[in-house]
């Protein structure tokens, strides 16, 4: 009578097919269709990503007026800009727009308008909200960097840098 083999038998281990490792995804060129979401679901996705990326100190804000933020974090992060580590008050803001067409310049103009409206909350006489040192905007808008229709350049025309730097 033959001896039954178990998973502990070295001969069986050789026959087990191991799954191949999938190549890691790269940020460049990845496109996700976020337009199947609604604004609330997109906001929840952004908040969950903020918690995963920034850590458990993230404060998430609910529906309704949010004071220019969907999430915030106060403290040191493992991110840097121009060699300077982010350390201070960070705001995460979600901006969702249903797919409106294939005009990147119009998409950029819409996003610029949204950014300008948010920045108004942090500037002027007696700003309504605490000004952050760092501001992350996450959007469903597709922007292209290609001139002359660059949605990225259009959105960058917002005056957010001068508002945030005082």
C-alpha atoms as a PDB file:
ATOM      1  CA  UNK A   1       0.000   0.000   0.000  1.00  0.00           C
ATOM      2  CA  UNK A   2       1.382   3.371  -1.018  1.00  0.00           C
ATOM      3  CA  UNK A   3       1.961   6.018   1.568  1.00  0.00           C
ATOM      4  CA  UNK A   4      -0.321   9.047   1.199  1.00  0.00           C
ATOM      5  CA  UNK A   5       1.552  12.271   0.498  1.00  0.00           C
ATOM      6  CA  UNK A   6       0.865  15.383   2.484  1.00  0.00           C
ATOM      7  CA  UNK A   7       1.813  19.009   1.929  1.00  0.00           C
ATOM      8  CA  UNK A   8       4.764  18.377   4.216  1.00  0.00           C
ATOM      9  CA  UNK A   9       6.261  15.935   1.722  1.00  0.00           C
ATOM     10  CA  UNK A  10       9.179  17.670  -0.106  1.00  0.00           C
ATOM     11  CA  UNK A  11       8.183  15.982  -3.372  1.00  0.00           C
ATOM     12  CA  UNK A  12       4.757  17.682  -3.252  1.00  0.00           C
ATOM     13  CA  UNK A  13       6.288  21.132  -2.715  1.00  0.00           C
ATOM     14  CA  UNK A  14       8.073  20.977  -6.035  1.00  0.00           C
ATOM     15  CA  UNK A  15       4.790  20.512  -7.833  1.00  0.00           C
ATOM     16  CA  UNK A  16       3.088  23.524  -6.269  1.00  0.00           C
ATOM     17  CA  UNK A  17       2.943  26.348  -8.760  1.00  0.00           C
ATOM     18  CA  UNK A  18       3.690  29.638  -7.168  1.00  0.00           C
ATOM     19  CA  UNK A  19       1.900  32.672  -8.566  1.00  0.00           C
ATOM     20  CA  UNK A  20       4.128  34.937 -10.599  1.00  0.00           C
ATOM     21  CA  UNK A  21       4.849  38.304  -9.122  1.00  0.00           C
ATOM     22  CA  UNK A  22       2.964  41.063 -10.847  1.00  0.00           C
ATOM     23  CA  UNK A  23       5.030  44.055 -11.960  1.00  0.00           C
ATOM     24  CA  UNK A  24       4.553  47.102  -9.789  1.00  0.00           C
ATOM     25  CA  UNK A  25       2.234  49.759 -11.162  1.00  0.00           C
ATOM     26  CA  UNK A  26       3.845  53.031 -12.109  1.00  0.00           C
ATOM     27  CA  UNK A  27       2.172  56.387 -11.585  1.00  0.00           C
ATOM     28  CA  UNK A  28       2.831  57.512 -15.132  1.00  0.00           C
ATOM     29  CA  UNK A  29       0.243  56.628 -17.689  1.00  0.00           C
ATOM     30  CA  UNK A  30      -2.208  55.016 -15.298  1.00  0.00           C
ATOM     31  CA  UNK A  31      -5.755  56.082 -15.971  1.00  0.00           C
ATOM     32  CA  UNK A  32      -8.707  55.293 -13.748  1.00  0.00           C
ATOM     33  CA  UNK A  33     -12.267  56.102 -14.739  1.00  0.00           C
ATOM     34  CA  UNK A  34     -13.455  58.003 -11.679  1.00  0.00           C
ATOM     35  CA  UNK A  35     -16.506  59.398 -13.426  1.00  0.00           C
ATOM     36  CA  UNK A  36     -18.591  56.386 -12.422  1.00  0.00           C
ATOM     37  CA  UNK A  37     -18.428  57.722  -8.874  1.00  0.00           C
ATOM     38  CA  UNK A  38     -20.594  60.454  -7.424  1.00  0.00           C
ATOM     39  CA  UNK A  39     -19.166  63.446  -5.514  1.00  0.00           C
ATOM     40  CA  UNK A  40     -19.735  61.864  -2.092  1.00  0.00           C
ATOM     41  CA  UNK A  41     -18.114  58.540  -3.033  1.00  0.00           C
ATOM     42  CA  UNK A  42     -15.158  60.373  -4.586  1.00  0.00           C
ATOM     43  CA  UNK A  43     -14.763  62.397  -1.372  1.00  0.00           C
ATOM     44  CA  UNK A  44     -14.753  59.186   0.685  1.00  0.00           C
ATOM     45  CA  UNK A  45     -12.150  57.671  -1.652  1.00  0.00           C
ATOM     46  CA  UNK A  46      -9.918  60.734  -1.220  1.00  0.00           C
ATOM     47  CA  UNK A  47     -10.339  60.624   2.570  1.00  0.00           C
ATOM     48  CA  UNK A  48      -9.430  56.920   2.671  1.00  0.00           C
ATOM     49  CA  UNK A  49      -6.356  57.562   0.517  1.00  0.00           C
ATOM     50  CA  UNK A  50      -5.347  60.436   2.816  1.00  0.00           C
ATOM     51  CA  UNK A  51      -5.505  58.138   5.851  1.00  0.00           C
ATOM     52  CA  UNK A  52      -3.474  55.459   4.049  1.00  0.00           C
ATOM     53  CA  UNK A  53      -0.840  57.881   2.774  1.00  0.00           C
ATOM     54  CA  UNK A  54      -0.586  60.448   5.572  1.00  0.00           C
ATOM     55  CA  UNK A  55      -1.274  58.213   8.540  1.00  0.00           C
ATOM     56  CA  UNK A  56      -3.680  57.763  11.424  1.00  0.00           C
ATOM     57  CA  UNK A  57      -3.435  61.416  12.504  1.00  0.00           C
ATOM     58  CA  UNK A  58      -5.652  62.484   9.597  1.00  0.00           C
ATOM     59  CA  UNK A  59      -8.900  64.178  10.605  1.00  0.00           C
ATOM     60  CA  UNK A  60     -11.759  63.459   8.204  1.00  0.00           C
ATOM     61  CA  UNK A  61     -14.656  65.892   7.833  1.00  0.00           C
ATOM     62  CA  UNK A  62     -18.222  64.878   7.024  1.00  0.00           C
ATOM     63  CA  UNK A  63     -20.765  66.105   4.530  1.00  0.00           C
ATOM     64  CA  UNK A  64     -21.760  69.727   4.408  1.00  0.00           C
ATOM     65  CA  UNK A  65     -19.679  72.874   4.737  1.00  0.00           C
ATOM     66  CA  UNK A  66     -16.149  71.678   5.421  1.00  0.00           C
ATOM     67  CA  UNK A  67     -14.191  74.882   5.870  1.00  0.00           C
ATOM     68  CA  UNK A  68     -12.251  74.292   2.666  1.00  0.00           C
ATOM     69  CA  UNK A  69     -11.090  70.807   3.568  1.00  0.00           C
ATOM     70  CA  UNK A  70     -12.200  67.210   3.321  1.00  0.00           C
ATOM     71  CA  UNK A  71      -9.384  66.027   5.576  1.00  0.00           C
ATOM     72  CA  UNK A  72      -6.508  67.605   7.457  1.00  0.00           C
ATOM     73  CA  UNK A  73      -3.304  66.625   9.198  1.00  0.00           C
ATOM     74  CA  UNK A  74      -1.162  68.585  11.615  1.00  0.00           C
ATOM     75  CA  UNK A  75       2.449  67.493  12.021  1.00  0.00           C
ATOM     76  CA  UNK A  76       5.425  66.118  10.142  1.00  0.00           C
ATOM     77  CA  UNK A  77       4.895  64.080   6.981  1.00  0.00           C
ATOM     78  CA  UNK A  78       7.283  61.987   4.921  1.00  0.00           C
ATOM     79  CA  UNK A  79       6.886  64.326   1.948  1.00  0.00           C
ATOM     80  CA  UNK A  80       9.166  67.121   0.860  1.00  0.00           C
ATOM     81  CA  UNK A  81       9.144  69.994  -1.591  1.00  0.00           C
ATOM     82  CA  UNK A  82      12.424  71.412  -2.830  1.00  0.00           C
ATOM     83  CA  UNK A  83      14.234  69.408  -0.144  1.00  0.00           C
ATOM     84  CA  UNK A  84      12.080  70.770   2.694  1.00  0.00           C
ATOM     85  CA  UNK A  85      10.064  68.202   4.694  1.00  0.00           C
ATOM     86  CA  UNK A  86       6.392  68.947   5.157  1.00  0.00           C
ATOM     87  CA  UNK A  87       5.855  69.882   8.774  1.00  0.00           C
ATOM     88  CA  UNK A  88       2.735  71.822   9.689  1.00  0.00           C
ATOM     89  CA  UNK A  89      -0.952  72.057   8.917  1.00  0.00           C
ATOM     90  CA  UNK A  90      -1.947  70.165   5.743  1.00  0.00           C
ATOM     91  CA  UNK A  91      -5.346  70.287   4.072  1.00  0.00           C
ATOM     92  CA  UNK A  92      -6.654  67.645   1.667  1.00  0.00           C
ATOM     93  CA  UNK A  93      -9.446  68.823  -0.628  1.00  0.00           C
ATOM     94  CA  UNK A  94     -11.423  66.678  -3.090  1.00  0.00           C
ATOM     95  CA  UNK A  95     -12.812  68.238  -6.262  1.00  0.00           C
ATOM     96  CA  UNK A  96     -15.084  66.022  -8.324  1.00  0.00           C
ATOM     97  CA  UNK A  97     -16.567  66.819 -11.727  1.00  0.00           C
ATOM     98  CA  UNK A  98     -18.645  64.581 -13.908  1.00  0.00           C
ATOM     99  CA  UNK A  99     -17.021  64.068 -17.301  1.00  0.00           C
ATOM    100  CA  UNK A 100     -18.028  67.074 -19.337  1.00  0.00           C
ATOM    101  CA  UNK A 101     -16.118  66.606 -22.554  1.00  0.00           C
ATOM    102  CA  UNK A 102     -12.706  66.375 -24.081  1.00  0.00           C
ATOM    103  CA  UNK A 103     -11.601  69.976 -23.600  1.00  0.00           C
ATOM    104  CA  UNK A 104      -8.592  69.960 -21.230  1.00  0.00           C
ATOM    105  CA  UNK A 105      -8.490  73.761 -21.199  1.00  0.00           C
ATOM    106  CA  UNK A 106     -12.119  73.923 -20.005  1.00  0.00           C
ATOM    107  CA  UNK A 107     -11.367  71.261 -17.394  1.00  0.00           C
ATOM    108  CA  UNK A 108      -8.386  73.313 -16.220  1.00  0.00           C
ATOM    109  CA  UNK A 109     -10.506  76.480 -16.106  1.00  0.00           C
ATOM    110  CA  UNK A 110     -13.127  74.693 -13.994  1.00  0.00           C
ATOM    111  CA  UNK A 111     -10.457  73.451 -11.586  1.00  0.00           C
ATOM    112  CA  UNK A 112      -8.870  76.921 -11.425  1.00  0.00           C
ATOM    113  CA  UNK A 113     -12.261  78.377 -10.460  1.00  0.00           C
ATOM    114  CA  UNK A 114     -12.641  75.743  -7.739  1.00  0.00           C
ATOM    115  CA  UNK A 115      -9.143  76.425  -6.371  1.00  0.00           C
ATOM    116  CA  UNK A 116      -9.703  80.200  -6.422  1.00  0.00           C
ATOM    117  CA  UNK A 117     -12.979  79.780  -4.467  1.00  0.00           C
ATOM    118  CA  UNK A 118     -11.223  77.594  -1.884  1.00  0.00           C
ATOM    119  CA  UNK A 119      -8.288  79.993  -1.543  1.00  0.00           C
ATOM    120  CA  UNK A 120     -10.685  82.873  -0.855  1.00  0.00           C
ATOM    121  CA  UNK A 121     -11.534  81.120   2.427  1.00  0.00           C
ATOM    122  CA  UNK A 122      -7.915  81.498   3.582  1.00  0.00           C
ATOM    123  CA  UNK A 123      -7.261  85.078   2.488  1.00  0.00           C
ATOM    124  CA  UNK A 124      -8.592  88.572   2.835  1.00  0.00           C
ATOM    125  CA  UNK A 125      -9.529  90.496   5.938  1.00  0.00           C
ATOM    126  CA  UNK A 126     -10.379  88.068   8.713  1.00  0.00           C
ATOM    127  CA  UNK A 127      -9.990  84.818   6.777  1.00  0.00           C
ATOM    128  CA  UNK A 128     -12.812  82.379   7.489  1.00  0.00           C
ATOM    129  CA  UNK A 129     -10.547  79.343   7.798  1.00  0.00           C
ATOM    130  CA  UNK A 130      -7.111  78.543   9.189  1.00  0.00           C
ATOM    131  CA  UNK A 131      -4.507  78.890   6.439  1.00  0.00           C
ATOM    132  CA  UNK A 132      -2.597  75.650   5.781  1.00  0.00           C
ATOM    133  CA  UNK A 133       1.128  75.372   5.190  1.00  0.00           C
ATOM    134  CA  UNK A 134       0.449  72.567   2.701  1.00  0.00           C
ATOM    135  CA  UNK A 135      -2.550  71.999   0.431  1.00  0.00           C
ATOM    136  CA  UNK A 136      -3.309  68.784  -1.464  1.00  0.00           C
ATOM    137  CA  UNK A 137      -6.029  68.929  -4.066  1.00  0.00           C
ATOM    138  CA  UNK A 138      -7.282  65.634  -5.484  1.00  0.00           C
ATOM    139  CA  UNK A 139      -9.496  65.824  -8.546  1.00  0.00           C
ATOM    140  CA  UNK A 140     -11.330  63.655 -11.029  1.00  0.00           C
ATOM    141  CA  UNK A 141     -10.618  66.202 -13.762  1.00  0.00           C
ATOM    142  CA  UNK A 142      -8.346  65.008 -16.549  1.00  0.00           C
ATOM    143  CA  UNK A 143      -5.625  67.560 -17.207  1.00  0.00           C
ATOM    144  CA  UNK A 144      -3.073  67.485 -19.980  1.00  0.00           C
ATOM    145  CA  UNK A 145       0.369  69.094 -19.754  1.00  0.00           C
ATOM    146  CA  UNK A 146       0.571  69.593 -23.522  1.00  0.00           C
ATOM    147  CA  UNK A 147       0.583  73.238 -24.703  1.00  0.00           C
ATOM    148  CA  UNK A 148      -1.342  75.183 -25.942  1.00  0.00           C
ATOM    149  CA  UNK A 149      -4.414  73.404 -24.529  1.00  0.00           C
ATOM    150  CA  UNK A 150      -2.750  72.535 -21.238  1.00  0.00           C
ATOM    151  CA  UNK A 151      -5.307  72.078 -18.477  1.00  0.00           C
ATOM    152  CA  UNK A 152      -2.402  71.893 -16.027  1.00  0.00           C
ATOM    153  CA  UNK A 153      -1.164  75.368 -17.027  1.00  0.00           C
ATOM    154  CA  UNK A 154      -4.695  76.766 -16.844  1.00  0.00           C
ATOM    155  CA  UNK A 155      -5.193  75.395 -13.320  1.00  0.00           C
ATOM    156  CA  UNK A 156      -1.751  76.648 -12.260  1.00  0.00           C
ATOM    157  CA  UNK A 157      -2.833  80.210 -13.029  1.00  0.00           C
ATOM    158  CA  UNK A 158      -4.716  80.131  -9.748  1.00  0.00           C
ATOM    159  CA  UNK A 159      -3.300  82.476  -7.138  1.00  0.00           C
ATOM    160  CA  UNK A 160      -3.000  79.717  -4.506  1.00  0.00           C
ATOM    161  CA  UNK A 161       0.757  80.108  -3.950  1.00  0.00           C
ATOM    162  CA  UNK A 162       0.492  83.725  -2.833  1.00  0.00           C
ATOM    163  CA  UNK A 163      -2.524  82.926  -0.639  1.00  0.00           C
ATOM    164  CA  UNK A 164      -0.780  80.048   1.139  1.00  0.00           C
ATOM    165  CA  UNK A 165       2.540  81.814   1.571  1.00  0.00           C
ATOM    166  CA  UNK A 166       0.906  84.888   3.066  1.00  0.00           C
END
